PDB file of all heavy atoms in Angstrom:
ATOM      1  N   ALA A   1       0.850  -1.238   0.028  1.00  0.00           N
ATOM      2  CA  ALA A   1       0.019  -0.016   0.004  1.00  0.00           C
ATOM      3  C   ALA A   1       0.844   1.216  -0.022  1.00  0.00           C
ATOM      4  O   ALA A   1       0.567   2.195  -0.670  1.00  0.00           O
ATOM      5  CB  ALA A   1      -0.933   0.009   1.216  1.00  0.00           C
ATOM      6  N   TYR A   2       1.974   1.194   0.786  1.00  0.00           N
ATOM      7  CA  TYR A   2       2.904   2.404   0.753  1.00  0.00           C
ATOM      8  C   TYR A   2       3.559   2.564  -0.599  1.00  0.00           C
ATOM      9  O   TYR A   2       3.616   3.624  -1.151  1.00  0.00           O
ATOM     10  CB  TYR A   2       3.968   2.192   1.814  1.00  0.00           C
ATOM     11  CG  TYR A   2       5.180   3.015   1.715  1.00  0.00           C
ATOM     12  CD1 TYR A   2       5.084   4.409   1.873  1.00  0.00           C
ATOM     13  CD2 TYR A   2       6.388   2.544   1.378  1.00  0.00           C
ATOM     14  CE1 TYR A   2       6.197   5.304   1.721  1.00  0.00           C
ATOM     15  CE2 TYR A   2       7.579   3.357   1.318  1.00  0.00           C
ATOM     16  CZ  TYR A   2       7.402   4.665   1.465  1.00  0.00           C
ATOM     17  OH  TYR A   2       8.488   5.537   1.292  1.00  0.00           O
ATOM     18  N   LEU A   3       4.118   1.506  -1.155  1.00  0.00           N
ATOM     19  CA  LEU A   3       4.757   1.579  -2.459  1.00  0.00           C
ATOM     20  C   LEU A   3       3.846   2.044  -3.587  1.00  0.00           C
ATOM     21  O   LEU A   3       4.298   2.771  -4.420  1.00  0.00           O
ATOM     22  CB  LEU A   3       5.364   0.200  -2.890  1.00  0.00           C
ATOM     23  CG  LEU A   3       6.471  -0.350  -1.914  1.00  0.00           C
ATOM     24  CD1 LEU A   3       6.768  -1.768  -2.297  1.00  0.00           C
ATOM     25  CD2 LEU A   3       7.692   0.479  -2.057  1.00  0.00           C
ATOM     26  N   ASN A   4       2.610   1.684  -3.446  1.00  0.00           N
ATOM     27  CA  ASN A   4       1.613   2.120  -4.505  1.00  0.00           C
ATOM     28  C   ASN A   4       0.906   3.509  -4.182  1.00  0.00           C
ATOM     29  O   ASN A   4      -0.005   3.891  -4.957  1.00  0.00           O
ATOM     30  CB  ASN A   4       0.497   1.080  -4.673  1.00  0.00           C
ATOM     31  CG  ASN A   4       0.803   0.203  -5.910  1.00  0.00           C
ATOM     32  OD1 ASN A   4       1.391   0.639  -6.859  1.00  0.00           O
ATOM     33  ND2 ASN A   4       0.366  -1.120  -5.857  1.00  0.00           N
ATOM     34  N   GLY A   5       1.391   4.207  -3.122  1.00  0.00           N
ATOM     35  CA  GLY A   5       0.938   5.515  -2.949  1.00  0.00           C
ATOM     36  C   GLY A   5      -0.383   5.691  -2.169  1.00  0.00           C
ATOM     37  O   GLY A   5      -0.917   6.775  -2.142  1.00  0.00           O
ATOM     38  N   HIS A   6      -0.893   4.561  -1.598  1.00  0.00           N
ATOM     39  CA  HIS A   6      -2.151   4.647  -0.824  1.00  0.00           C
ATOM     40  C   HIS A   6      -1.919   5.282   0.532  1.00  0.00           C
ATOM     41  O   HIS A   6      -2.869   5.654   1.180  1.00  0.00           O
ATOM     42  CB  HIS A   6      -2.814   3.301  -0.740  1.00  0.00           C
ATOM     43  CG  HIS A   6      -3.280   2.810  -2.057  1.00  0.00           C
ATOM     44  ND1 HIS A   6      -4.326   3.364  -2.808  1.00  0.00           N
ATOM     45  CD2 HIS A   6      -2.790   1.764  -2.886  1.00  0.00           C
ATOM     46  CE1 HIS A   6      -4.472   2.688  -3.924  1.00  0.00           C
ATOM     47  NE2 HIS A   6      -3.588   1.748  -3.996  1.00  0.00           N
ATOM     48  N   GLN A   7      -0.716   5.353   0.985  1.00  0.00           N
ATOM     49  CA  GLN A   7      -0.305   6.016   2.252  1.00  0.00           C
ATOM     50  C   GLN A   7       1.087   6.578   2.038  1.00  0.00           C
ATOM     51  O   GLN A   7       1.841   6.076   1.253  1.00  0.00           O
ATOM     52  CB  GLN A   7      -0.462   5.089   3.353  1.00  0.00           C
ATOM     53  CG  GLN A   7       0.296   3.799   3.328  1.00  0.00           C
ATOM     54  CD  GLN A   7      -0.143   2.809   4.387  1.00  0.00           C
ATOM     55  OE1 GLN A   7      -1.179   2.194   4.335  1.00  0.00           O
ATOM     56  NE2 GLN A   7       0.677   2.695   5.454  1.00  0.00           N
ATOM     57  N   ASP A   8       1.396   7.554   2.833  1.00  0.00           N
ATOM     58  CA  ASP A   8       2.631   8.282   2.600  1.00  0.00           C
ATOM     59  C   ASP A   8       3.800   7.724   3.470  1.00  0.00           C
ATOM     60  O   ASP A   8       4.884   8.427   3.496  1.00  0.00           O
ATOM     61  CB  ASP A   8       2.419   9.771   2.872  1.00  0.00           C
ATOM     62  CG  ASP A   8       1.494  10.383   1.893  1.00  0.00           C
ATOM     63  OD1 ASP A   8       1.438   9.914   0.728  1.00  0.00           O
ATOM     64  OD2 ASP A   8       0.734  11.292   2.329  1.00  0.00           O
ATOM     65  N   HIS A   9       3.637   6.647   4.111  1.00  0.00           N
ATOM     66  CA  HIS A   9       4.644   6.153   5.044  1.00  0.00           C
ATOM     67  C   HIS A   9       4.445   4.687   5.228  1.00  0.00           C
ATOM     68  O   HIS A   9       3.480   4.072   4.870  1.00  0.00           O
ATOM     69  CB  HIS A   9       4.415   6.805   6.406  1.00  0.00           C
ATOM     70  CG  HIS A   9       3.054   6.580   6.903  1.00  0.00           C
ATOM     71  ND1 HIS A   9       2.665   5.454   7.664  1.00  0.00           N
ATOM     72  CD2 HIS A   9       1.903   7.297   6.851  1.00  0.00           C
ATOM     73  CE1 HIS A   9       1.387   5.548   7.919  1.00  0.00           C
ATOM     74  NE2 HIS A   9       0.892   6.683   7.399  1.00  0.00           N
ATOM     75  N   PHE A  10       5.512   4.026   5.690  1.00  0.00           N
ATOM     76  CA  PHE A  10       5.551   2.643   5.958  1.00  0.00           C
ATOM     77  C   PHE A  10       5.531   2.436   7.533  1.00  0.00           C
ATOM     78  O   PHE A  10       6.564   2.117   8.102  1.00  0.00           O
ATOM     79  CB  PHE A  10       6.694   1.919   5.293  1.00  0.00           C
ATOM     80  CG  PHE A  10       6.801   0.472   5.628  1.00  0.00           C
ATOM     81  CD1 PHE A  10       5.726  -0.325   5.681  1.00  0.00           C
ATOM     82  CD2 PHE A  10       8.069  -0.149   5.793  1.00  0.00           C
ATOM     83  CE1 PHE A  10       5.840  -1.725   5.954  1.00  0.00           C
ATOM     84  CE2 PHE A  10       8.193  -1.516   6.000  1.00  0.00           C
ATOM     85  CZ  PHE A  10       7.073  -2.273   6.059  1.00  0.00           C
ATOM     86  N   THR A  11       4.447   2.833   8.140  1.00  0.00           N
ATOM     87  CA  THR A  11       4.282   2.759   9.567  1.00  0.00           C
ATOM     88  C   THR A  11       3.038   1.939   9.927  1.00  0.00           C
ATOM     89  O   THR A  11       2.023   2.116   9.265  1.00  0.00           O
ATOM     90  CB  THR A  11       4.107   4.179  10.183  1.00  0.00           C
ATOM     91  OG1 THR A  11       5.228   4.996   9.793  1.00  0.00           O
ATOM     92  CG2 THR A  11       4.030   4.164  11.660  1.00  0.00           C
ATOM     93  N   MET A  12       3.140   1.044  10.913  1.00  0.00           N
ATOM     94  CA  MET A  12       2.004   0.154  11.229  1.00  0.00           C
ATOM     95  C   MET A  12       1.657   0.303  12.732  1.00  0.00           C
ATOM     96  O   MET A  12       2.451   0.711  13.570  1.00  0.00           O
ATOM     97  CB  MET A  12       2.377  -1.256  10.920  1.00  0.00           C
ATOM     98  CG  MET A  12       2.641  -1.541   9.382  1.00  0.00           C
ATOM     99  SD  MET A  12       3.098  -3.223   9.126  1.00  0.00           S
ATOM    100  CE  MET A  12       1.640  -4.166   9.592  1.00  0.00           C
ATOM    101  N   LEU A  13       0.402  -0.104  12.986  1.00  0.00           N
ATOM    102  CA  LEU A  13      -0.025  -0.219  14.410  1.00  0.00           C
ATOM    103  C   LEU A  13       0.898  -1.201  15.059  1.00  0.00           C
ATOM    104  O   LEU A  13       1.311  -2.227  14.467  1.00  0.00           O
ATOM    105  CB  LEU A  13      -1.500  -0.642  14.448  1.00  0.00           C
ATOM    106  CG  LEU A  13      -2.552   0.114  13.787  1.00  0.00           C
ATOM    107  CD1 LEU A  13      -3.886  -0.449  14.084  1.00  0.00           C
ATOM    108  CD2 LEU A  13      -2.457   1.555  14.164  1.00  0.00           C
ATOM    109  N   GLY A  14       1.242  -0.925  16.361  1.00  0.00           N
ATOM    110  CA  GLY A  14       2.065  -1.832  17.068  1.00  0.00           C
ATOM    111  C   GLY A  14       3.500  -1.973  16.557  1.00  0.00           C
ATOM    112  O   GLY A  14       4.298  -2.850  17.018  1.00  0.00           O
ATOM    113  N   GLY A  15       3.942  -1.033  15.742  1.00  0.00           N
ATOM    114  CA  GLY A  15       5.259  -1.054  15.204  1.00  0.00           C
ATOM    115  C   GLY A  15       5.656  -2.284  14.383  1.00  0.00           C
ATOM    116  O   GLY A  15       6.760  -2.715  14.247  1.00  0.00           O
ATOM    117  N   GLN A  16       4.552  -2.940  13.803  1.00  0.00           N
ATOM    118  CA  GLN A  16       4.827  -4.233  13.149  1.00  0.00           C
ATOM    119  C   GLN A  16       5.496  -4.068  11.696  1.00  0.00           C
ATOM    120  O   GLN A  16       5.718  -5.036  11.061  1.00  0.00           O
ATOM    121  CB  GLN A  16       3.449  -4.929  12.964  1.00  0.00           C
ATOM    122  CG  GLN A  16       2.973  -5.442  14.301  1.00  0.00           C
ATOM    123  CD  GLN A  16       2.061  -6.695  14.112  1.00  0.00           C
ATOM    124  OE1 GLN A  16       2.079  -7.367  13.186  1.00  0.00           O
ATOM    125  NE2 GLN A  16       1.273  -6.890  15.190  1.00  0.00           N
ATOM    126  N   GLU A  17       5.843  -2.866  11.319  1.00  0.00           N
ATOM    127  CA  GLU A  17       6.671  -2.730  10.126  1.00  0.00           C
ATOM    128  C   GLU A  17       8.005  -3.385  10.331  1.00  0.00           C
ATOM    129  O   GLU A  17       8.739  -3.612   9.317  1.00  0.00           O
ATOM    130  CB  GLU A  17       6.804  -1.209   9.718  1.00  0.00           C
ATOM    131  CG  GLU A  17       7.595  -0.406  10.707  1.00  0.00           C
ATOM    132  CD  GLU A  17       6.759   0.182  11.826  1.00  0.00           C
ATOM    133  OE1 GLU A  17       5.523  -0.265  12.008  1.00  0.00           O
ATOM    134  OE2 GLU A  17       7.182   1.164  12.563  1.00  0.00           O
ATOM    135  N   SER A  18       8.391  -3.667  11.576  1.00  0.00           N
ATOM    136  CA  SER A  18       9.654  -4.355  11.782  1.00  0.00           C
ATOM    137  C   SER A  18       9.687  -5.805  11.807  1.00  0.00           C
ATOM    138  O   SER A  18      10.718  -6.393  12.041  1.00  0.00           O
ATOM    139  CB  SER A  18      10.254  -3.804  13.195  1.00  0.00           C
ATOM    140  OG  SER A  18       9.344  -4.312  14.225  1.00  0.00           O
ATOM    141  N   THR A  19       8.504  -6.480  11.531  1.00  0.00           N
ATOM    142  CA  THR A  19       8.462  -7.899  11.685  1.00  0.00           C
ATOM    143  C   THR A  19       9.035  -8.705  10.483  1.00  0.00           C
ATOM    144  O   THR A  19       9.150  -9.918  10.506  1.00  0.00           O
ATOM    145  CB  THR A  19       7.026  -8.392  11.927  1.00  0.00           C
ATOM    146  OG1 THR A  19       6.238  -8.048  10.689  1.00  0.00           O
ATOM    147  CG2 THR A  19       6.398  -7.747  13.159  1.00  0.00           C
ATOM    148  N   ARG A  20       9.371  -8.017   9.354  1.00  0.00           N
ATOM    149  CA  ARG A  20      10.021  -8.694   8.195  1.00  0.00           C
ATOM    150  C   ARG A  20      11.374  -8.101   7.944  1.00  0.00           C
ATOM    151  O   ARG A  20      11.555  -6.913   8.189  1.00  0.00           O
ATOM    152  CB  ARG A  20       9.047  -8.594   7.017  1.00  0.00           C
ATOM    153  CG  ARG A  20       7.756  -9.371   7.159  1.00  0.00           C
ATOM    154  CD  ARG A  20       7.978 -10.905   7.233  1.00  0.00           C
ATOM    155  NE  ARG A  20       6.733 -11.592   6.884  1.00  0.00           N
ATOM    156  CZ  ARG A  20       6.520 -12.869   7.019  1.00  0.00           C
ATOM    157  NH1 ARG A  20       7.519 -13.664   7.513  1.00  0.00           N
ATOM    158  NH2 ARG A  20       5.374 -13.478   6.612  1.00  0.00           N
ATOM    159  N   SER A  21      12.238  -8.920   7.442  1.00  0.00           N
ATOM    160  CA  SER A  21      13.620  -8.529   7.167  1.00  0.00           C
ATOM    161  C   SER A  21      13.800  -7.660   5.898  1.00  0.00           C
ATOM    162  O   SER A  21      12.852  -7.576   5.036  1.00  0.00           O
ATOM    163  CB  SER A  21      14.492  -9.751   7.064  1.00  0.00           C
ATOM    164  OG  SER A  21      14.242 -10.409   5.811  1.00  0.00           O
ATOM    165  N   MET A  22      14.931  -7.018   5.757  1.00  0.00           N
ATOM    166  CA  MET A  22      15.250  -6.312   4.542  1.00  0.00           C
ATOM    167  C   MET A  22      15.174  -7.145   3.344  1.00  0.00           C
ATOM    168  O   MET A  22      14.637  -6.748   2.283  1.00  0.00           O
ATOM    169  CB  MET A  22      16.669  -5.645   4.734  1.00  0.00           C
ATOM    170  CG  MET A  22      17.173  -5.036   3.419  1.00  0.00           C
ATOM    171  SD  MET A  22      18.852  -4.333   3.703  1.00  0.00           S
ATOM    172  CE  MET A  22      19.842  -5.840   3.942  1.00  0.00           C
ATOM    173  N   LEU A  23      15.765  -8.356   3.428  1.00  0.00           N
ATOM    174  CA  LEU A  23      15.724  -9.270   2.288  1.00  0.00           C
ATOM    175  C   LEU A  23      14.360  -9.756   1.918  1.00  0.00           C
ATOM    176  O   LEU A  23      13.991  -9.899   0.721  1.00  0.00           O
ATOM    177  CB  LEU A  23      16.597 -10.483   2.600  1.00  0.00           C
ATOM    178  CG  LEU A  23      18.189 -10.221   2.583  1.00  0.00           C
ATOM    179  CD1 LEU A  23      18.906 -11.474   3.047  1.00  0.00           C
ATOM    180  CD2 LEU A  23      18.607  -9.808   1.188  1.00  0.00           C
ATOM    181  N   HIS A  24      13.442  -9.904   2.976  1.00  0.00           N
ATOM    182  CA  HIS A  24      12.117 -10.265   2.661  1.00  0.00           C
ATOM    183  C   HIS A  24      11.440  -9.199   1.893  1.00  0.00           C
ATOM    184  O   HIS A  24      10.714  -9.451   0.900  1.00  0.00           O
ATOM    185  CB  HIS A  24      11.356 -10.505   3.963  1.00  0.00           C
ATOM    186  CG  HIS A  24       9.913 -10.868   3.810  1.00  0.00           C
ATOM    187  ND1 HIS A  24       9.431 -12.160   3.701  1.00  0.00           N
ATOM    188  CD2 HIS A  24       8.821 -10.082   3.702  1.00  0.00           C
ATOM    189  CE1 HIS A  24       8.123 -12.102   3.559  1.00  0.00           C
ATOM    190  NE2 HIS A  24       7.719 -10.896   3.521  1.00  0.00           N
ATOM    191  N   LEU A  25      11.595  -7.938   2.299  1.00  0.00           N
ATOM    192  CA  LEU A  25      11.015  -6.833   1.653  1.00  0.00           C
ATOM    193  C   LEU A  25      11.472  -6.644   0.193  1.00  0.00           C
ATOM    194  O   LEU A  25      10.757  -6.294  -0.715  1.00  0.00           O
ATOM    195  CB  LEU A  25      11.187  -5.539   2.419  1.00  0.00           C
ATOM    196  CG  LEU A  25      10.528  -5.496   3.815  1.00  0.00           C
ATOM    197  CD1 LEU A  25      10.848  -4.177   4.512  1.00  0.00           C
ATOM    198  CD2 LEU A  25       9.044  -5.682   3.805  1.00  0.00           C
ATOM    199  N   ALA A  26      12.809  -6.918   0.011  1.00  0.00           N
ATOM    200  CA  ALA A  26      13.405  -6.734  -1.338  1.00  0.00           C
ATOM    201  C   ALA A  26      12.805  -7.798  -2.243  1.00  0.00           C
ATOM    202  O   ALA A  26      12.460  -7.509  -3.463  1.00  0.00           O
ATOM    203  CB  ALA A  26      14.884  -6.933  -1.256  1.00  0.00           C
ATOM    204  N   GLU A  27      12.638  -9.052  -1.794  1.00  0.00           N
ATOM    205  CA  GLU A  27      12.012 -10.117  -2.668  1.00  0.00           C
ATOM    206  C   GLU A  27      10.580  -9.870  -2.855  1.00  0.00           C
ATOM    207  O   GLU A  27      10.047 -10.083  -4.046  1.00  0.00           O
ATOM    208  CB  GLU A  27      12.239 -11.467  -1.992  1.00  0.00           C
ATOM    209  CG  GLU A  27      11.725 -12.639  -2.900  1.00  0.00           C
ATOM    210  CD  GLU A  27      12.505 -12.756  -4.192  1.00  0.00           C
ATOM    211  OE1 GLU A  27      13.582 -12.171  -4.370  1.00  0.00           O
ATOM    212  OE2 GLU A  27      12.012 -13.483  -5.060  1.00  0.00           O
ATOM    213  N   LEU A  28       9.893  -9.228  -1.903  1.00  0.00           N
ATOM    214  CA  LEU A  28       8.467  -8.900  -2.119  1.00  0.00           C
ATOM    215  C   LEU A  28       8.384  -7.880  -3.177  1.00  0.00           C
ATOM    216  O   LEU A  28       7.453  -7.958  -4.082  1.00  0.00           O
ATOM    217  CB  LEU A  28       7.987  -8.248  -0.757  1.00  0.00           C
ATOM    218  CG  LEU A  28       6.514  -7.871  -0.662  1.00  0.00           C
ATOM    219  CD1 LEU A  28       6.029  -7.909   0.781  1.00  0.00           C
ATOM    220  CD2 LEU A  28       6.270  -6.471  -1.221  1.00  0.00           C
ATOM    221  N   PHE A  29       9.280  -6.892  -3.202  1.00  0.00           N
ATOM    222  CA  PHE A  29       9.249  -5.879  -4.210  1.00  0.00           C
ATOM    223  C   PHE A  29       9.490  -6.499  -5.604  1.00  0.00           C
ATOM    224  O   PHE A  29       8.688  -6.072  -6.582  1.00  0.00           O
ATOM    225  CB  PHE A  29      10.451  -4.854  -3.938  1.00  0.00           C
ATOM    226  CG  PHE A  29      10.430  -3.721  -4.861  1.00  0.00           C
ATOM    227  CD1 PHE A  29       9.679  -2.558  -4.556  1.00  0.00           C
ATOM    228  CD2 PHE A  29      11.196  -3.716  -6.013  1.00  0.00           C
ATOM    229  CE1 PHE A  29       9.707  -1.455  -5.482  1.00  0.00           C
ATOM    230  CE2 PHE A  29      11.283  -2.634  -6.807  1.00  0.00           C
ATOM    231  CZ  PHE A  29      10.513  -1.469  -6.599  1.00  0.00           C
ATOM    232  N   ARG A  30      10.361  -7.395  -5.778  1.00  0.00           N
ATOM    233  CA  ARG A  30      10.620  -8.038  -7.054  1.00  0.00           C
ATOM    234  C   ARG A  30       9.347  -8.786  -7.548  1.00  0.00           C
ATOM    235  O   ARG A  30       8.900  -8.638  -8.696  1.00  0.00           O
ATOM    236  CB  ARG A  30      11.797  -8.978  -7.006  1.00  0.00           C
ATOM    237  CG  ARG A  30      13.140  -8.358  -6.678  1.00  0.00           C
ATOM    238  CD  ARG A  30      14.251  -9.390  -6.703  1.00  0.00           C
ATOM    239  NE  ARG A  30      15.536  -8.934  -6.302  1.00  0.00           N
ATOM    240  CZ  ARG A  30      16.096  -8.971  -5.090  1.00  0.00           C
ATOM    241  NH1 ARG A  30      15.367  -9.517  -4.048  1.00  0.00           N
ATOM    242  NH2 ARG A  30      17.214  -8.368  -4.797  1.00  0.00           N
TER     243      ARG A  30
END
């Protein structure tokens, strides 16, 4: 949702933006 512009930040309730690794997010992007 952040990458597609539906929100202006990658922030989550409970700070859960930290639950996945950098490599996980990179592969998700690909």
